[in-house]
Amino acid sequence: MSRFCYSHGGAIEGGWRQNYGYVVETENYRYCLRCSPGQGDYHAYLTCFDRNIQRANLVKKTIAALGGCADSQKKGVVEQLSSHRQQIQEKDTMKPKTNQIGRNKPEL
């Protein structure tokens, strides 16, 4: 793990021990790997996020934050967010899958 981290970068600033982070995104998921290569005490944490749920939650939070706005303002913002969300989803489906980090590297 140490050799991989040192040669592939990804250093995360801060903390008492050097950690390294790597992200792989697919159409629907984001995988975040945090490696902590300490001598004789290696740790790796893999977290998976559903990107569609994250997008939906962003819209919900924004709508909630607009609580004090006039209804016409809320409607305009919600329409813009919905349009933006659709554009993001369209771009995600158009991404070439071969450009994903680590996709064709069995050593990862």
PDB file of N, CA and C in Angstrom:
ATOM      1  N   MET A   1       0.834  -1.182   0.000  1.00  0.00           N
ATOM      2  CA  MET A   1       0.000   0.000   0.000  1.00  0.00           C
ATOM      3  C   MET A   1       0.879   1.247   0.000  1.00  0.00           C
ATOM      4  N   SER A   2       1.917   1.246   0.788  1.00  0.00           N
ATOM      5  CA  SER A   2       2.808   2.417   0.853  1.00  0.00           C
ATOM      6  C   SER A   2       3.392   2.735  -0.511  1.00  0.00           C
ATOM      7  N   ARG A   3       3.885   1.730  -1.186  1.00  0.00           N
ATOM      8  CA  ARG A   3       4.508   1.933  -2.484  1.00  0.00           C
ATOM      9  C   ARG A   3       3.508   2.527  -3.481  1.00  0.00           C
ATOM     10  N   PHE A   4       2.291   1.982  -3.490  1.00  0.00           N
ATOM     11  CA  PHE A   4       1.273   2.497  -4.405  1.00  0.00           C
ATOM     12  C   PHE A   4       0.961   3.957  -4.099  1.00  0.00           C
ATOM     13  N   CYS A   5       0.712   4.267  -2.827  1.00  0.00           N
ATOM     14  CA  CYS A   5       0.348   5.636  -2.437  1.00  0.00           C
ATOM     15  C   CYS A   5       1.449   6.629  -2.768  1.00  0.00           C
ATOM     16  N   TYR A   6       2.673   6.288  -2.466  1.00  0.00           N
ATOM     17  CA  TYR A   6       3.785   7.207  -2.707  1.00  0.00           C
ATOM     18  C   TYR A   6       3.985   7.448  -4.204  1.00  0.00           C
ATOM     19  N   SER A   7       3.749   6.433  -5.017  1.00  0.00           N
ATOM     20  CA  SER A   7       3.994   6.583  -6.450  1.00  0.00           C
ATOM     21  C   SER A   7       2.806   7.142  -7.226  1.00  0.00           C
ATOM     22  N   HIS A   8       1.589   7.143  -6.635  1.00  0.00           N
ATOM     23  CA  HIS A   8       0.412   7.630  -7.345  1.00  0.00           C
ATOM     24  C   HIS A   8      -0.151   8.932  -6.787  1.00  0.00           C
ATOM     25  N   GLY A   9       0.499   9.514  -5.804  1.00  0.00           N
ATOM     26  CA  GLY A   9       0.034  10.784  -5.245  1.00  0.00           C
ATOM     27  C   GLY A   9      -1.259  10.619  -4.471  1.00  0.00           C
ATOM     28  N   GLY A  10      -2.053  11.675  -4.407  1.00  0.00           N
ATOM     29  CA  GLY A  10      -3.327  11.629  -3.695  1.00  0.00           C
ATOM     30  C   GLY A  10      -3.206  11.978  -2.223  1.00  0.00           C
ATOM     31  N   ALA A  11      -2.103  12.616  -1.827  1.00  0.00           N
ATOM     32  CA  ALA A  11      -1.900  12.957  -0.414  1.00  0.00           C
ATOM     33  C   ALA A  11      -3.005  13.882   0.092  1.00  0.00           C
ATOM     34  N   ILE A  12      -3.506  13.592   1.291  1.00  0.00           N
ATOM     35  CA  ILE A  12      -4.528  14.414   1.949  1.00  0.00           C
ATOM     36  C   ILE A  12      -3.831  15.206   3.038  1.00  0.00           C
ATOM     37  N   GLU A  13      -4.000  16.514   3.006  1.00  0.00           N
ATOM     38  CA  GLU A  13      -3.343  17.390   3.985  1.00  0.00           C
ATOM     39  C   GLU A  13      -3.978  17.255   5.372  1.00  0.00           C
ATOM     40  N   GLY A  14      -3.172  17.440   6.393  1.00  0.00           N
ATOM     41  CA  GLY A  14      -3.670  17.448   7.772  1.00  0.00           C
ATOM     42  C   GLY A  14      -3.596  16.083   8.418  1.00  0.00           C
ATOM     43  N   GLY A  15      -3.872  16.064   9.703  1.00  0.00           N
ATOM     44  CA  GLY A  15      -3.843  14.803  10.449  1.00  0.00           C
ATOM     45  C   GLY A  15      -2.454  14.485  10.961  1.00  0.00           C
ATOM     46  N   TRP A  16      -2.381  13.604  11.918  1.00  0.00           N
ATOM     47  CA  TRP A  16      -1.091  13.244  12.490  1.00  0.00           C
ATOM     48  C   TRP A  16      -0.401  12.167  11.673  1.00  0.00           C
ATOM     49  N   ARG A  17      -1.109  11.551  10.764  1.00  0.00           N
ATOM     50  CA  ARG A  17      -0.561  10.504   9.920  1.00  0.00           C
ATOM     51  C   ARG A  17      -0.942  10.810   8.472  1.00  0.00           C
ATOM     52  N   GLN A  18      -0.012  10.604   7.558  1.00  0.00           N
ATOM     53  CA  GLN A  18      -0.283  10.890   6.142  1.00  0.00           C
ATOM     54  C   GLN A  18      -1.311   9.906   5.586  1.00  0.00           C
ATOM     55  N   ASN A  19      -2.381  10.457   5.029  1.00  0.00           N
ATOM     56  CA  ASN A  19      -3.416   9.669   4.376  1.00  0.00           C
ATOM     57  C   ASN A  19      -3.428  10.018   2.893  1.00  0.00           C
ATOM     58  N   TYR A  20      -3.963   9.100   2.093  1.00  0.00           N
ATOM     59  CA  TYR A  20      -4.066   9.287   0.658  1.00  0.00           C
ATOM     60  C   TYR A  20      -5.494   8.991   0.239  1.00  0.00           C
ATOM     61  N   GLY A  21      -6.002   9.761  -0.724  1.00  0.00           N
ATOM     62  CA  GLY A  21      -7.372   9.574  -1.162  1.00  0.00           C
ATOM     63  C   GLY A  21      -7.480   9.413  -2.663  1.00  0.00           C
ATOM     64  N   TYR A  22      -8.397   8.533  -3.069  1.00  0.00           N
ATOM     65  CA  TYR A  22      -8.623   8.262  -4.478  1.00  0.00           C
ATOM     66  C   TYR A  22     -10.130   8.185  -4.712  1.00  0.00           C
ATOM     67  N   VAL A  23     -10.571   8.700  -5.857  1.00  0.00           N
ATOM     68  CA  VAL A  23     -11.994   8.721  -6.186  1.00  0.00           C
ATOM     69  C   VAL A  23     -12.195   8.091  -7.561  1.00  0.00           C
ATOM     70  N   VAL A  24     -13.187   7.220  -7.634  1.00  0.00           N
ATOM     71  CA  VAL A  24     -13.607   6.636  -8.904  1.00  0.00           C
ATOM     72  C   VAL A  24     -15.084   6.928  -9.052  1.00  0.00           C
ATOM     73  N   GLU A  25     -15.459   7.516 -10.182  1.00  0.00           N
ATOM     74  CA  GLU A  25     -16.862   7.829 -10.416  1.00  0.00           C
ATOM     75  C   GLU A  25     -17.382   7.035 -11.605  1.00  0.00           C
ATOM     76  N   THR A  26     -18.562   6.488 -11.430  1.00  0.00           N
ATOM     77  CA  THR A  26     -19.270   5.847 -12.526  1.00  0.00           C
ATOM     78  C   THR A  26     -20.536   6.654 -12.761  1.00  0.00           C
ATOM     79  N   GLU A  27     -21.365   6.195 -13.637  1.00  0.00           N
ATOM     80  CA  GLU A  27     -22.582   6.931 -13.968  1.00  0.00           C
ATOM     81  C   GLU A  27     -23.451   7.176 -12.741  1.00  0.00           C
ATOM     82  N   ASN A  28     -23.580   6.182 -11.884  1.00  0.00           N
ATOM     83  CA  ASN A  28     -24.499   6.289 -10.751  1.00  0.00           C
ATOM     84  C   ASN A  28     -23.837   6.321  -9.380  1.00  0.00           C
ATOM     85  N   TYR A  29     -22.538   6.022  -9.307  1.00  0.00           N
ATOM     86  CA  TYR A  29     -21.898   5.909  -7.996  1.00  0.00           C
ATOM     87  C   TYR A  29     -20.566   6.640  -7.964  1.00  0.00           C
ATOM     88  N   ARG A  30     -20.187   7.057  -6.755  1.00  0.00           N
ATOM     89  CA  ARG A  30     -18.885   7.653  -6.496  1.00  0.00           C
ATOM     90  C   ARG A  30     -18.238   6.803  -5.396  1.00  0.00           C
ATOM     91  N   TYR A  31     -17.053   6.273  -5.691  1.00  0.00           N
ATOM     92  CA  TYR A  31     -16.318   5.459  -4.724  1.00  0.00           C
ATOM     93  C   TYR A  31     -15.140   6.278  -4.214  1.00  0.00           C
ATOM     94  N   CYS A  32     -15.026   6.395  -2.904  1.00  0.00           N
ATOM     95  CA  CYS A  32     -13.932   7.143  -2.292  1.00  0.00           C
ATOM     96  C   CYS A  32     -13.116   6.179  -1.438  1.00  0.00           C
ATOM     97  N   LEU A  33     -11.832   6.082  -1.745  1.00  0.00           N
ATOM     98  CA  LEU A  33     -10.933   5.200  -1.012  1.00  0.00           C
ATOM     99  C   LEU A  33      -9.917   6.056  -0.267  1.00  0.00           C
ATOM    100  N   ARG A  34      -9.832   5.853   1.044  1.00  0.00           N
ATOM    101  CA  ARG A  34      -8.832   6.542   1.865  1.00  0.00           C
ATOM    102  C   ARG A  34      -7.865   5.496   2.380  1.00  0.00           C
ATOM    103  N   CYS A  35      -6.604   5.702   2.102  1.00  0.00           N
ATOM    104  CA  CYS A  35      -5.556   4.766   2.528  1.00  0.00           C
ATOM    105  C   CYS A  35      -4.672   5.438   3.576  1.00  0.00           C
ATOM    106  N   SER A  36      -4.331   4.681   4.590  1.00  0.00           N
ATOM    107  CA  SER A  36      -3.451   5.164   5.640  1.00  0.00           C
ATOM    108  C   SER A  36      -2.318   4.147   5.801  1.00  0.00           C
ATOM    109  N   PRO A  37      -1.247   4.319   5.033  1.00  0.00           N
ATOM    110  CA  PRO A  37      -0.170   3.334   5.043  1.00  0.00           C
ATOM    111  C   PRO A  37       0.860   3.588   6.146  1.00  0.00           C
ATOM    112  N   GLY A  38       0.562   3.137   7.342  1.00  0.00           N
ATOM    113  CA  GLY A  38       1.511   3.258   8.441  1.00  0.00           C
ATOM    114  C   GLY A  38       2.301   1.964   8.595  1.00  0.00           C
ATOM    115  N   GLN A  39       3.550   2.080   8.933  1.00  0.00           N
ATOM    116  CA  GLN A  39       4.413   0.903   9.070  1.00  0.00           C
ATOM    117  C   GLN A  39       3.767  -0.141   9.980  1.00  0.00           C
ATOM    118  N   GLY A  40       3.404  -1.293   9.422  1.00  0.00           N
ATOM    119  CA  GLY A  40       2.830  -2.387  10.201  1.00  0.00           C
ATOM    120  C   GLY A  40       1.382  -2.171  10.620  1.00  0.00           C
ATOM    121  N   ASP A  41       0.769  -1.064  10.196  1.00  0.00           N
ATOM    122  CA  ASP A  41      -0.599  -0.752  10.622  1.00  0.00           C
ATOM    123  C   ASP A  41      -1.323  -0.062   9.464  1.00  0.00           C
ATOM    124  N   TYR A  42      -1.736  -0.867   8.493  1.00  0.00           N
ATOM    125  CA  TYR A  42      -2.349  -0.323   7.284  1.00  0.00           C
ATOM    126  C   TYR A  42      -3.862  -0.273   7.435  1.00  0.00           C
ATOM    127  N   HIS A  43      -4.451   0.833   6.980  1.00  0.00           N
ATOM    128  CA  HIS A  43      -5.901   0.981   7.012  1.00  0.00           C
ATOM    129  C   HIS A  43      -6.367   1.457   5.643  1.00  0.00           C
ATOM    130  N   ALA A  44      -7.501   0.929   5.212  1.00  0.00           N
ATOM    131  CA  ALA A  44      -8.125   1.389   3.973  1.00  0.00           C
ATOM    132  C   ALA A  44      -9.627   1.482   4.223  1.00  0.00           C
ATOM    133  N   TYR A  45     -10.204   2.593   3.848  1.00  0.00           N
ATOM    134  CA  TYR A  45     -11.636   2.824   4.049  1.00  0.00           C
ATOM    135  C   TYR A  45     -12.256   3.121   2.692  1.00  0.00           C
ATOM    136  N   LEU A  46     -13.232   2.331   2.308  1.00  0.00           N
ATOM    137  CA  LEU A  46     -13.921   2.525   1.034  1.00  0.00           C
ATOM    138  C   LEU A  46     -15.352   2.941   1.316  1.00  0.00           C
ATOM    139  N   THR A  47     -15.750   4.070   0.740  1.00  0.00           N
ATOM    140  CA  THR A  47     -17.110   4.573   0.905  1.00  0.00           C
ATOM    141  C   THR A  47     -17.731   4.713  -0.472  1.00  0.00           C
ATOM    142  N   CYS A  48     -18.984   4.302  -0.587  1.00  0.00           N
ATOM    143  CA  CYS A  48     -19.693   4.387  -1.856  1.00  0.00           C
ATOM    144  C   CYS A  48     -20.887   5.322  -1.690  1.00  0.00           C
ATOM    145  N   PHE A  49     -21.045   6.249  -2.635  1.00  0.00           N
ATOM    146  CA  PHE A  49     -22.156   7.193  -2.600  1.00  0.00           C
ATOM    147  C   PHE A  49     -23.009   7.015  -3.844  1.00  0.00           C
ATOM    148  N   ASP A  50     -24.313   7.022  -3.663  1.00  0.00           N
ATOM    149  CA  ASP A  50     -25.252   6.973  -4.783  1.00  0.00           C
ATOM    150  C   ASP A  50     -25.409   8.401  -5.289  1.00  0.00           C
ATOM    151  N   ARG A  51     -24.922   8.675  -6.469  1.00  0.00           N
ATOM    152  CA  ARG A  51     -24.919  10.037  -6.998  1.00  0.00           C
ATOM    153  C   ARG A  51     -26.330  10.563  -7.258  1.00  0.00           C
ATOM    154  N   ASN A  52     -27.248   9.692  -7.631  1.00  0.00           N
ATOM    155  CA  ASN A  52     -28.625  10.134  -7.879  1.00  0.00           C
ATOM    156  C   ASN A  52     -29.284  10.609  -6.592  1.00  0.00           C
ATOM    157  N   ILE A  53     -29.033   9.916  -5.498  1.00  0.00           N
ATOM    158  CA  ILE A  53     -29.592  10.333  -4.208  1.00  0.00           C
ATOM    159  C   ILE A  53     -28.952  11.643  -3.762  1.00  0.00           C
ATOM    160  N   GLN A  54     -27.659  11.799  -3.986  1.00  0.00           N
ATOM    161  CA  GLN A  54     -27.001  13.058  -3.631  1.00  0.00           C
ATOM    162  C   GLN A  54     -27.598  14.232  -4.403  1.00  0.00           C
ATOM    163  N   ARG A  55     -27.864  14.039  -5.677  1.00  0.00           N
ATOM    164  CA  ARG A  55     -28.472  15.113  -6.478  1.00  0.00           C
ATOM    165  C   ARG A  55     -29.867  15.457  -5.947  1.00  0.00           C
ATOM    166  N   ALA A  56     -30.651  14.431  -5.645  1.00  0.00           N
ATOM    167  CA  ALA A  56     -32.011  14.664  -5.132  1.00  0.00           C
ATOM    168  C   ALA A  56     -31.964  15.390  -3.788  1.00  0.00           C
ATOM    169  N   ASN A  57     -31.033  14.999  -2.919  1.00  0.00           N
ATOM    170  CA  ASN A  57     -30.909  15.649  -1.616  1.00  0.00           C
ATOM    171  C   ASN A  57     -30.471  17.104  -1.744  1.00  0.00           C
ATOM    172  N   LEU A  58     -29.644  17.396  -2.717  1.00  0.00           N
ATOM    173  CA  LEU A  58     -29.223  18.781  -2.950  1.00  0.00           C
ATOM    174  C   LEU A  58     -30.433  19.645  -3.307  1.00  0.00           C
ATOM    175  N   VAL A  59     -31.309  19.124  -4.135  1.00  0.00           N
ATOM    176  CA  VAL A  59     -32.517  19.869  -4.503  1.00  0.00           C
ATOM    177  C   VAL A  59     -33.393  20.073  -3.265  1.00  0.00           C
ATOM    178  N   LYS A  60     -33.562  19.037  -2.448  1.00  0.00           N
ATOM    179  CA  LYS A  60     -34.387  19.146  -1.232  1.00  0.00           C
ATOM    180  C   LYS A  60     -33.824  20.188  -0.272  1.00  0.00           C
ATOM    181  N   LYS A  61     -32.503  20.177  -0.061  1.00  0.00           N
ATOM    182  CA  LYS A  61     -31.883  21.143   0.851  1.00  0.00           C
ATOM    183  C   LYS A  61     -32.055  22.565   0.341  1.00  0.00           C
ATOM    184  N   THR A  62     -31.917  22.723  -0.953  1.00  0.00           N
ATOM    185  CA  THR A  62     -32.061  24.060  -1.529  1.00  0.00           C
ATOM    186  C   THR A  62     -33.496  24.554  -1.376  1.00  0.00           C
ATOM    187  N   ILE A  63     -34.452  23.682  -1.608  1.00  0.00           N
ATOM    188  CA  ILE A  63     -35.858  24.059  -1.454  1.00  0.00           C
ATOM    189  C   ILE A  63     -36.127  24.447   0.001  1.00  0.00           C
ATOM    190  N   ALA A  64     -35.589  23.666   0.943  1.00  0.00           N
ATOM    191  CA  ALA A  64     -35.781  23.972   2.365  1.00  0.00           C
ATOM    192  C   ALA A  64     -35.142  25.311   2.730  1.00  0.00           C
ATOM    193  N   ALA A  65     -33.999  25.617   2.140  1.00  0.00           N
ATOM    194  CA  ALA A  65     -33.315  26.878   2.435  1.00  0.00           C
ATOM    195  C   ALA A  65     -34.077  28.077   1.888  1.00  0.00           C
ATOM    196  N   LEU A  66     -34.943  27.836   0.939  1.00  0.00           N
ATOM    197  CA  LEU A  66     -35.722  28.919   0.340  1.00  0.00           C
ATOM    198  C   LEU A  66     -37.008  29.196   1.105  1.00  0.00           C
ATOM    199  N   GLY A  67     -37.141  28.656   2.283  1.00  0.00           N
ATOM    200  CA  GLY A  67     -38.364  28.774   3.072  1.00  0.00           C
ATOM    201  C   GLY A  67     -38.890  30.189   3.222  1.00  0.00           C
ATOM    202  N   GLY A  68     -38.022  31.190   3.319  1.00  0.00           N
ATOM    203  CA  GLY A  68     -38.464  32.565   3.523  1.00  0.00           C
ATOM    204  C   GLY A  68     -38.695  33.341   2.242  1.00  0.00           C
ATOM    205  N   CYS A  69     -38.514  32.726   1.102  1.00  0.00           N
ATOM    206  CA  CYS A  69     -38.675  33.421  -0.177  1.00  0.00           C
ATOM    207  C   CYS A  69     -40.131  33.396  -0.632  1.00  0.00           C
ATOM    208  N   ALA A  70     -40.441  34.319  -1.506  1.00  0.00           N
ATOM    209  CA  ALA A  70     -41.775  34.349  -2.113  1.00  0.00           C
ATOM    210  C   ALA A  70     -41.946  33.115  -2.998  1.00  0.00           C
ATOM    211  N   ASP A  71     -43.192  32.677  -3.154  1.00  0.00           N
ATOM    212  CA  ASP A  71     -43.478  31.474  -3.939  1.00  0.00           C
ATOM    213  C   ASP A  71     -42.962  31.570  -5.368  1.00  0.00           C
ATOM    214  N   SER A  72     -43.050  32.734  -5.977  1.00  0.00           N
ATOM    215  CA  SER A  72     -42.581  32.879  -7.356  1.00  0.00           C
ATOM    216  C   SER A  72     -41.065  32.700  -7.436  1.00  0.00           C
ATOM    217  N   GLN A  73     -40.348  33.199  -6.412  1.00  0.00           N
ATOM    218  CA  GLN A  73     -38.890  33.019  -6.381  1.00  0.00           C
ATOM    219  C   GLN A  73     -38.550  31.547  -6.195  1.00  0.00           C
ATOM    220  N   LYS A  74     -39.265  30.876  -5.294  1.00  0.00           N
ATOM    221  CA  LYS A  74     -39.026  29.451  -5.048  1.00  0.00           C
ATOM    222  C   LYS A  74     -39.227  28.651  -6.325  1.00  0.00           C
ATOM    223  N   LYS A  75     -40.318  28.936  -7.025  1.00  0.00           N
ATOM    224  CA  LYS A  75     -40.635  28.198  -8.239  1.00  0.00           C
ATOM    225  C   LYS A  75     -39.526  28.363  -9.275  1.00  0.00           C
ATOM    226  N   GLY A  76     -39.024  29.585  -9.435  1.00  0.00           N
ATOM    227  CA  GLY A  76     -37.959  29.834 -10.401  1.00  0.00           C
ATOM    228  C   GLY A  76     -36.677  29.091 -10.052  1.00  0.00           C
ATOM    229  N   VAL A  77     -36.323  29.102  -8.778  1.00  0.00           N
ATOM    230  CA  VAL A  77     -35.102  28.418  -8.346  1.00  0.00           C
ATOM    231  C   VAL A  77     -35.251  26.906  -8.513  1.00  0.00           C
ATOM    232  N   VAL A  78     -36.403  26.371  -8.130  1.00  0.00           N
ATOM    233  CA  VAL A  78     -36.639  24.927  -8.247  1.00  0.00           C
ATOM    234  C   VAL A  78     -36.591  24.509  -9.712  1.00  0.00           C
ATOM    235  N   GLU A  79     -37.170  25.314 -10.597  1.00  0.00           N
ATOM    236  CA  GLU A  79     -37.124  24.996 -12.028  1.00  0.00           C
ATOM    237  C   GLU A  79     -35.683  25.005 -12.542  1.00  0.00           C
ATOM    238  N   GLN A  80     -34.886  25.976 -12.100  1.00  0.00           N
ATOM    239  CA  GLN A  80     -33.491  26.043 -12.516  1.00  0.00           C
ATOM    240  C   GLN A  80     -32.711  24.830 -12.016  1.00  0.00           C
ATOM    241  N   LEU A  81     -32.944  24.445 -10.752  1.00  0.00           N
ATOM    242  CA  LEU A  81     -32.259  23.280 -10.195  1.00  0.00           C
ATOM    243  C   LEU A  81     -32.643  22.008 -10.935  1.00  0.00           C
ATOM    244  N   SER A  82     -33.922  21.862 -11.224  1.00  0.00           N
ATOM    245  CA  SER A  82     -34.382  20.673 -11.931  1.00  0.00           C
ATOM    246  C   SER A  82     -33.753  20.594 -13.315  1.00  0.00           C
ATOM    247  N   SER A  83     -33.683  21.731 -13.995  1.00  0.00           N
ATOM    248  CA  SER A  83     -33.067  21.779 -15.316  1.00  0.00           C
ATOM    249  C   SER A  83     -31.581  21.444 -15.214  1.00  0.00           C
ATOM    250  N   HIS A  84     -30.909  22.033 -14.229  1.00  0.00           N
ATOM    251  CA  HIS A  84     -29.478  21.784 -14.026  1.00  0.00           C
ATOM    252  C   HIS A  84     -29.232  20.314 -13.696  1.00  0.00           C
ATOM    253  N   ARG A  85     -30.065  19.747 -12.855  1.00  0.00           N
ATOM    254  CA  ARG A  85     -29.923  18.333 -12.483  1.00  0.00           C
ATOM    255  C   ARG A  85     -30.058  17.447 -13.713  1.00  0.00           C
ATOM    256  N   GLN A  86     -31.010  17.743 -14.573  1.00  0.00           N
ATOM    257  CA  GLN A  86     -31.199  16.971 -15.800  1.00  0.00           C
ATOM    258  C   GLN A  86     -29.976  17.081 -16.700  1.00  0.00           C
ATOM    259  N   GLN A  87     -29.404  18.288 -16.802  1.00  0.00           N
ATOM    260  CA  GLN A  87     -28.216  18.479 -17.625  1.00  0.00           C
ATOM    261  C   GLN A  87     -27.044  17.674 -17.080  1.00  0.00           C
ATOM    262  N   ILE A  88     -26.892  17.642 -15.757  1.00  0.00           N
ATOM    263  CA  ILE A  88     -25.805  16.872 -15.139  1.00  0.00           C
ATOM    264  C   ILE A  88     -25.989  15.393 -15.436  1.00  0.00           C
ATOM    265  N   GLN A  89     -27.211  14.905 -15.295  1.00  0.00           N
ATOM    266  CA  GLN A  89     -27.466  13.490 -15.546  1.00  0.00           C
ATOM    267  C   GLN A  89     -27.173  13.147 -17.007  1.00  0.00           C
ATOM    268  N   GLU A  90     -27.532  14.048 -17.922  1.00  0.00           N
ATOM    269  CA  GLU A  90     -27.253  13.804 -19.330  1.00  0.00           C
ATOM    270  C   GLU A  90     -25.755  13.769 -19.581  1.00  0.00           C
ATOM    271  N   LYS A  91     -25.005  14.664 -18.960  1.00  0.00           N
ATOM    272  CA  LYS A  91     -23.552  14.677 -19.123  1.00  0.00           C
ATOM    273  C   LYS A  91     -22.938  13.411 -18.554  1.00  0.00           C
ATOM    274  N   ASP A  92     -23.451  12.933 -17.414  1.00  0.00           N
ATOM    275  CA  ASP A  92     -22.927  11.721 -16.791  1.00  0.00           C
ATOM    276  C   ASP A  92     -23.091  10.526 -17.707  1.00  0.00           C
ATOM    277  N   THR A  93     -24.218  10.426 -18.391  1.00  0.00           N
ATOM    278  CA  THR A  93     -24.452   9.277 -19.262  1.00  0.00           C
ATOM    279  C   THR A  93     -23.613   9.365 -20.530  1.00  0.00           C
ATOM    280  N   MET A  94     -23.132  10.575 -20.850  1.00  0.00           N
ATOM    281  CA  MET A  94     -22.326  10.751 -22.048  1.00  0.00           C
ATOM    282  C   MET A  94     -20.835  10.546 -21.775  1.00  0.00           C
ATOM    283  N   LYS A  95     -20.433  10.467 -20.510  1.00  0.00           N
ATOM    284  CA  LYS A  95     -19.018  10.295 -20.178  1.00  0.00           C
ATOM    285  C   LYS A  95     -18.520   8.953 -20.687  1.00  0.00           C
ATOM    286  N   PRO A  96     -17.352   8.935 -21.310  1.00  0.00           N
ATOM    287  CA  PRO A  96     -16.791   7.646 -21.713  1.00  0.00           C
ATOM    288  C   PRO A  96     -16.357   6.861 -20.478  1.00  0.00           C
ATOM    289  N   LYS A  97     -16.772   5.635 -20.401  1.00  0.00           N
ATOM    290  CA  LYS A  97     -16.495   4.824 -19.218  1.00  0.00           C
ATOM    291  C   LYS A  97     -15.019   4.426 -19.112  1.00  0.00           C
ATOM    292  N   THR A  98     -14.274   4.460 -20.211  1.00  0.00           N
ATOM    293  CA  THR A  98     -12.869   4.059 -20.172  1.00  0.00           C
ATOM    294  C   THR A  98     -11.980   5.083 -19.496  1.00  0.00           C
ATOM    295  N   ASN A  99     -12.464   6.305 -19.273  1.00  0.00           N
ATOM    296  CA  ASN A  99     -11.656   7.339 -18.634  1.00  0.00           C
ATOM    297  C   ASN A  99     -11.722   7.280 -17.117  1.00  0.00           C
ATOM    298  N   GLN A 100     -12.418   6.324 -16.565  1.00  0.00           N
ATOM    299  CA  GLN A 100     -12.528   6.237 -15.122  1.00  0.00           C
ATOM    300  C   GLN A 100     -11.198   5.783 -14.545  1.00  0.00           C
ATOM    301  N   ILE A 101     -10.821   6.388 -13.450  1.00  0.00           N
ATOM    302  CA  ILE A 101      -9.546   6.082 -12.809  1.00  0.00           C
ATOM    303  C   ILE A 101      -9.549   4.623 -12.380  1.00  0.00           C
ATOM    304  N   GLY A 102      -8.521   3.899 -12.759  1.00  0.00           N
ATOM    305  CA  GLY A 102      -8.372   2.524 -12.313  1.00  0.00           C
ATOM    306  C   GLY A 102      -9.236   1.517 -13.042  1.00  0.00           C
ATOM    307  N   ARG A 103      -9.954   1.926 -14.046  1.00  0.00           N
ATOM    308  CA  ARG A 103     -10.909   1.044 -14.720  1.00  0.00           C
ATOM    309  C   ARG A 103     -10.228  -0.188 -15.305  1.00  0.00           C
ATOM    310  N   ASN A 104      -9.121  -0.011 -15.970  1.00  0.00           N
ATOM    311  CA  ASN A 104      -8.455  -1.138 -16.621  1.00  0.00           C
ATOM    312  C   ASN A 104      -7.087  -1.432 -16.012  1.00  0.00           C
ATOM    313  N   LYS A 105      -6.959  -1.186 -14.718  1.00  0.00           N
ATOM    314  CA  LYS A 105      -5.692  -1.423 -14.051  1.00  0.00           C
ATOM    315  C   LYS A 105      -5.892  -2.484 -12.961  1.00  0.00           C
ATOM    316  N   PRO A 106      -5.583  -3.728 -13.263  1.00  0.00           N
ATOM    317  CA  PRO A 106      -5.807  -4.803 -12.289  1.00  0.00           C
ATOM    318  C   PRO A 106      -4.960  -4.632 -11.025  1.00  0.00           C
ATOM    319  N   GLU A 107      -3.849  -3.891 -11.100  1.00  0.00           N
ATOM    320  CA  GLU A 107      -3.023  -3.704  -9.908  1.00  0.00           C
ATOM    321  C   GLU A 107      -3.695  -2.843  -8.858  1.00  0.00           C
ATOM    322  N   LEU A 108      -4.768  -2.121  -9.244  1.00  0.00           N
ATOM    323  CA  LEU A 108      -5.507  -1.322  -8.268  1.00  0.00           C
ATOM    324  C   LEU A 108      -6.403  -2.253  -7.526  1.00  0.00           C
TER     325      LEU A 108
END
